[in-house]
Amino acid sequence: MLRTATLEEFHKRSEETLSWFGERITVVPSGLRVGELRAIQPALGSGKALLADYRKDDR
């Protein structure tokens, strides 16, 4: 939710917010198995383990 004093400020803040999220979100294809997600994780630029838990049959 954005709250601003003026419509102009709202438009500016909206653009800033969209830009912030746009720089940080990567959309991946739906239906990928855990092993496939792990394989593309390095390309996403994350140094953290995004997928800590997985089932053995998903490798």
C-alpha atoms as a PDB file:
ATOM      1  CA  MET A   1       0.000   0.000   0.000  1.00  0.00           C
ATOM      2  CA  LEU A   2       1.285   3.417  -0.887  1.00  0.00           C
ATOM      3  CA  ARG A   3       0.110   6.573   0.805  1.00  0.00           C
ATOM      4  CA  THR A   4       1.145   9.970  -0.452  1.00  0.00           C
ATOM      5  CA  ALA A   5       0.052  13.568  -0.065  1.00  0.00           C
ATOM      6  CA  THR A   6      -0.366  14.268  -3.782  1.00  0.00           C
ATOM      7  CA  LEU A   7      -1.183  12.384  -6.961  1.00  0.00           C
ATOM      8  CA  GLU A   8       2.182  13.404  -8.423  1.00  0.00           C
ATOM      9  CA  GLU A   9       3.972  11.939  -5.416  1.00  0.00           C
ATOM     10  CA  PHE A  10       1.892   8.767  -5.760  1.00  0.00           C
ATOM     11  CA  HIS A  11       2.958   8.314  -9.392  1.00  0.00           C
ATOM     12  CA  LYS A  12       6.605   8.898  -8.498  1.00  0.00           C
ATOM     13  CA  ARG A  13       6.476   6.468  -5.577  1.00  0.00           C
ATOM     14  CA  SER A  14       4.646   3.856  -7.679  1.00  0.00           C
ATOM     15  CA  GLU A  15       7.366   3.974 -10.333  1.00  0.00           C
ATOM     16  CA  GLU A  16      10.072   3.660  -7.681  1.00  0.00           C
ATOM     17  CA  THR A  17       8.321   0.682  -6.131  1.00  0.00           C
ATOM     18  CA  LEU A  18       7.816  -1.073  -9.465  1.00  0.00           C
ATOM     19  CA  SER A  19      11.448  -0.453 -10.350  1.00  0.00           C
ATOM     20  CA  TRP A  20      12.643  -1.859  -7.006  1.00  0.00           C
ATOM     21  CA  PHE A  21      10.663  -5.079  -7.457  1.00  0.00           C
ATOM     22  CA  GLY A  22      11.557  -5.338 -11.141  1.00  0.00           C
ATOM     23  CA  GLU A  23      15.256  -5.389 -10.270  1.00  0.00           C
ATOM     24  CA  ARG A  24      14.829  -8.173  -7.723  1.00  0.00           C
ATOM     25  CA  ILE A  25      12.283 -10.600  -9.151  1.00  0.00           C
ATOM     26  CA  THR A  26      13.024 -13.394 -11.583  1.00  0.00           C
ATOM     27  CA  VAL A  27      10.139 -15.327 -13.077  1.00  0.00           C
ATOM     28  CA  VAL A  28      10.882 -18.980 -13.724  1.00  0.00           C
ATOM     29  CA  PRO A  29       8.777 -21.429 -15.719  1.00  0.00           C
ATOM     30  CA  SER A  30       6.029 -23.148 -13.767  1.00  0.00           C
ATOM     31  CA  GLY A  31       6.106 -26.874 -13.249  1.00  0.00           C
ATOM     32  CA  LEU A  32       9.832 -27.191 -12.581  1.00  0.00           C
ATOM     33  CA  ARG A  33      10.859 -29.931 -10.207  1.00  0.00           C
ATOM     34  CA  VAL A  34      13.083 -29.177  -7.246  1.00  0.00           C
ATOM     35  CA  GLY A  35      16.150 -30.549  -9.017  1.00  0.00           C
ATOM     36  CA  GLU A  36      15.516 -28.289 -11.993  1.00  0.00           C
ATOM     37  CA  LEU A  37      15.083 -25.274  -9.716  1.00  0.00           C
ATOM     38  CA  ARG A  38      18.367 -26.121  -7.991  1.00  0.00           C
ATOM     39  CA  ALA A  39      20.083 -26.332 -11.370  1.00  0.00           C
ATOM     40  CA  ILE A  40      19.034 -22.803 -12.351  1.00  0.00           C
ATOM     41  CA  GLN A  41      19.644 -21.277  -8.918  1.00  0.00           C
ATOM     42  CA  PRO A  42      23.235 -20.125  -9.689  1.00  0.00           C
ATOM     43  CA  ALA A  43      21.992 -18.241 -12.751  1.00  0.00           C
ATOM     44  CA  LEU A  44      19.508 -16.383 -10.547  1.00  0.00           C
ATOM     45  CA  GLY A  45      22.414 -14.761  -8.715  1.00  0.00           C
ATOM     46  CA  SER A  46      21.487 -15.917  -5.257  1.00  0.00           C
ATOM     47  CA  GLY A  47      24.225 -16.962  -2.889  1.00  0.00           C
ATOM     48  CA  LYS A  48      21.703 -18.375  -0.430  1.00  0.00           C
ATOM     49  CA  ALA A  49      20.138 -21.812  -0.541  1.00  0.00           C
ATOM     50  CA  LEU A  50      16.660 -21.024  -1.792  1.00  0.00           C
ATOM     51  CA  LEU A  51      15.565 -24.636  -1.724  1.00  0.00           C
ATOM     52  CA  ALA A  52      16.700 -26.045   1.592  1.00  0.00           C
ATOM     53  CA  ASP A  53      14.158 -28.869   1.837  1.00  0.00           C
ATOM     54  CA  TYR A  54      13.425 -31.357  -0.910  1.00  0.00           C
ATOM     55  CA  ARG A  55      12.209 -34.876  -1.383  1.00  0.00           C
ATOM     56  CA  LYS A  56      14.623 -37.536  -2.561  1.00  0.00           C
ATOM     57  CA  ASP A  57      12.464 -38.386  -5.603  1.00  0.00           C
ATOM     58  CA  ASP A  58      12.651 -34.781  -6.867  1.00  0.00           C
ATOM     59  CA  ARG A  59      16.381 -34.805  -7.549  1.00  0.00           C
END
